Amino acid sequence: MKQFIIKSTILSIILFIIGAILYSTVLKDFFIPVLPIIVVFFYIITNLVHAYLLRSAGKSNSGFAARNMAVSFLKMFFYLVVAIVFVILNRENAKVFIANFLVLYVVYTIFEVYEFSKFVRQAK
């Protein structure tokens, strides 16, 4: 878990830097103050879910697939609820928020799947 936290922290710092560069130059007109908070949000959720899956993988293999699918579904549903609530409360910034939210969702999901699949391969 320690290695995962270090890697996810590095990923988040890189995303902050890329965001700062893009939103201070090319995308200056599209910056909304909630964007850095979204990165922190994904960082926290990704680390919590990964910690749960690691603990779950260590318990028993028989129910792991079902727990993994359930956690993935709940995480996706939670992300969807957060996005919908933001869009309802802040319609004027909805397009920028959704675009950033989707990019971060894809980046963090790819990262999490890659890291967890490495863990599963090493455990075999």
Protein backbone atom coordinates (compact mmCIF):
# COMPACT_ATOMS: atom_id res chain seq x y z
CA MET A 1 0.00 0.00 0.00
CA LYS A 2 2.89 2.34 0.73
CA GLN A 3 4.17 2.07 -2.85
CA PHE A 4 0.68 2.71 -4.19
CA ILE A 5 0.29 5.86 -2.09
CA ILE A 6 3.68 7.14 -3.27
CA LYS A 7 2.79 6.47 -6.92
CA SER A 8 -0.69 7.98 -6.61
CA THR A 9 0.81 11.04 -4.91
CA ILE A 10 3.28 11.45 -7.77
CA LEU A 11 0.45 11.04 -10.29
CA SER A 12 -1.61 13.68 -8.49
CA ILE A 13 1.32 16.12 -8.37
CA ILE A 14 1.87 15.62 -12.09
CA LEU A 15 -1.84 16.27 -12.73
CA PHE A 16 -1.69 19.43 -10.58
CA ILE A 17 1.32 20.67 -12.56
CA ILE A 18 -0.29 19.90 -15.93
CA GLY A 19 -3.50 21.56 -14.79
CA ALA A 20 -1.66 24.63 -13.51
CA ILE A 21 0.20 25.01 -16.80
CA LEU A 22 -2.88 24.48 -18.98
CA TYR A 23 -5.23 26.64 -16.91
CA SER A 24 -2.76 29.48 -16.56
CA THR A 25 -2.09 29.64 -20.30
CA VAL A 26 -4.19 27.97 -22.99
CA LEU A 27 -7.33 27.24 -20.95
CA LYS A 28 -7.26 30.36 -18.75
CA ASP A 29 -10.90 31.22 -19.56
CA PHE A 30 -12.10 27.78 -18.48
CA PHE A 31 -10.61 27.56 -15.00
CA ILE A 32 -13.01 27.05 -12.12
CA PRO A 33 -11.81 26.94 -8.50
CA VAL A 34 -13.19 23.45 -7.89
CA LEU A 35 -10.78 21.80 -10.35
CA PRO A 36 -7.89 21.27 -7.87
CA ILE A 37 -10.38 19.84 -5.39
CA ILE A 38 -11.44 17.23 -7.96
CA VAL A 39 -7.85 15.94 -8.13
CA VAL A 40 -7.75 15.63 -4.33
CA PHE A 41 -11.16 13.91 -4.41
CA PHE A 42 -9.97 11.28 -6.91
CA TYR A 43 -6.69 10.84 -5.01
CA ILE A 44 -8.51 10.09 -1.74
CA ILE A 45 -11.15 7.80 -3.23
CA THR A 46 -8.59 5.87 -5.29
CA ASN A 47 -6.38 5.27 -2.24
CA LEU A 48 -9.32 4.22 -0.05
CA VAL A 49 -10.68 1.80 -2.65
CA HIS A 50 -7.23 0.34 -3.30
CA ALA A 51 -6.65 -0.20 0.43
CA TYR A 52 -10.00 -1.97 0.73
CA LEU A 53 -9.30 -4.18 -2.29
CA LEU A 54 -5.88 -5.15 -0.94
CA ARG A 55 -7.40 -6.13 2.41
CA SER A 56 -10.19 -7.94 0.60
CA ALA A 57 -7.75 -9.86 -1.61
CA GLY A 58 -5.88 -11.07 1.44
CA LYS A 59 -8.98 -12.57 3.10
CA SER A 60 -10.23 -15.15 0.64
CA ASN A 61 -10.18 -15.67 -3.09
CA SER A 62 -13.67 -17.14 -3.27
CA GLY A 63 -15.60 -13.91 -2.83
CA PHE A 64 -12.99 -11.51 -4.09
CA ALA A 65 -14.37 -11.16 -7.61
CA ALA A 66 -17.82 -10.32 -6.28
CA ARG A 67 -16.41 -7.80 -3.78
CA ASN A 68 -14.26 -6.24 -6.48
CA MET A 69 -17.22 -5.83 -8.83
CA ALA A 70 -19.39 -4.45 -6.04
CA VAL A 71 -16.75 -1.90 -5.01
CA SER A 72 -16.23 -0.86 -8.63
CA PHE A 73 -19.96 -0.40 -9.10
CA LEU A 74 -20.34 1.60 -5.87
CA LYS A 75 -17.36 3.79 -6.75
CA MET A 76 -18.74 4.49 -10.23
CA PHE A 77 -22.18 5.22 -8.79
CA PHE A 78 -20.68 7.56 -6.17
CA TYR A 79 -18.72 9.40 -8.88
CA LEU A 80 -21.88 9.74 -10.94
CA VAL A 81 -23.82 11.15 -7.98
CA VAL A 82 -21.06 13.69 -7.25
CA ALA A 83 -20.99 14.79 -10.90
CA ILE A 84 -24.78 15.10 -11.12
CA VAL A 85 -25.01 17.08 -7.88
CA PHE A 86 -22.31 19.49 -9.06
CA VAL A 87 -24.01 19.97 -12.43
CA ILE A 88 -27.37 20.62 -10.78
CA LEU A 89 -25.88 23.15 -8.36
CA ASN A 90 -23.55 24.83 -10.84
CA ARG A 91 -24.98 24.70 -14.36
CA GLU A 92 -22.82 27.50 -15.79
CA ASN A 93 -19.61 25.50 -15.18
CA ALA A 94 -21.06 22.08 -15.94
CA LYS A 95 -19.23 21.45 -19.23
CA VAL A 96 -15.79 22.32 -17.85
CA PHE A 97 -16.42 20.29 -14.70
CA ILE A 98 -17.66 17.20 -16.56
CA ALA A 99 -14.78 17.30 -19.04
CA ASN A 100 -12.21 17.48 -16.24
CA PHE A 101 -14.08 14.92 -14.16
CA LEU A 102 -14.10 12.41 -17.02
CA VAL A 103 -10.42 12.91 -17.79
CA LEU A 104 -9.50 12.40 -14.14
CA TYR A 105 -11.81 9.39 -13.88
CA VAL A 106 -10.08 7.73 -16.83
CA VAL A 107 -6.57 8.58 -15.60
CA TYR A 108 -7.14 7.36 -12.03
CA THR A 109 -9.06 4.27 -13.16
CA ILE A 110 -6.30 3.22 -15.55
CA PHE A 111 -3.73 3.82 -12.82
CA GLU A 112 -5.69 1.83 -10.23
CA VAL A 113 -6.37 -1.11 -12.55
CA TYR A 114 -2.74 -1.24 -13.67
CA GLU A 115 -1.40 -1.16 -10.11
CA PHE A 116 -3.91 -3.68 -8.80
CA SER A 117 -3.28 -6.08 -11.68
CA LYS A 118 0.46 -5.90 -10.89
CA PHE A 119 -0.37 -6.82 -7.29
CA VAL A 120 -2.53 -9.77 -8.37
CA ARG A 121 0.16 -11.07 -10.74
CA GLN A 122 2.78 -10.90 -7.98
CA ALA A 123 0.50 -12.70 -5.53
CA LYS A 124 0.17 -15.73 -7.82
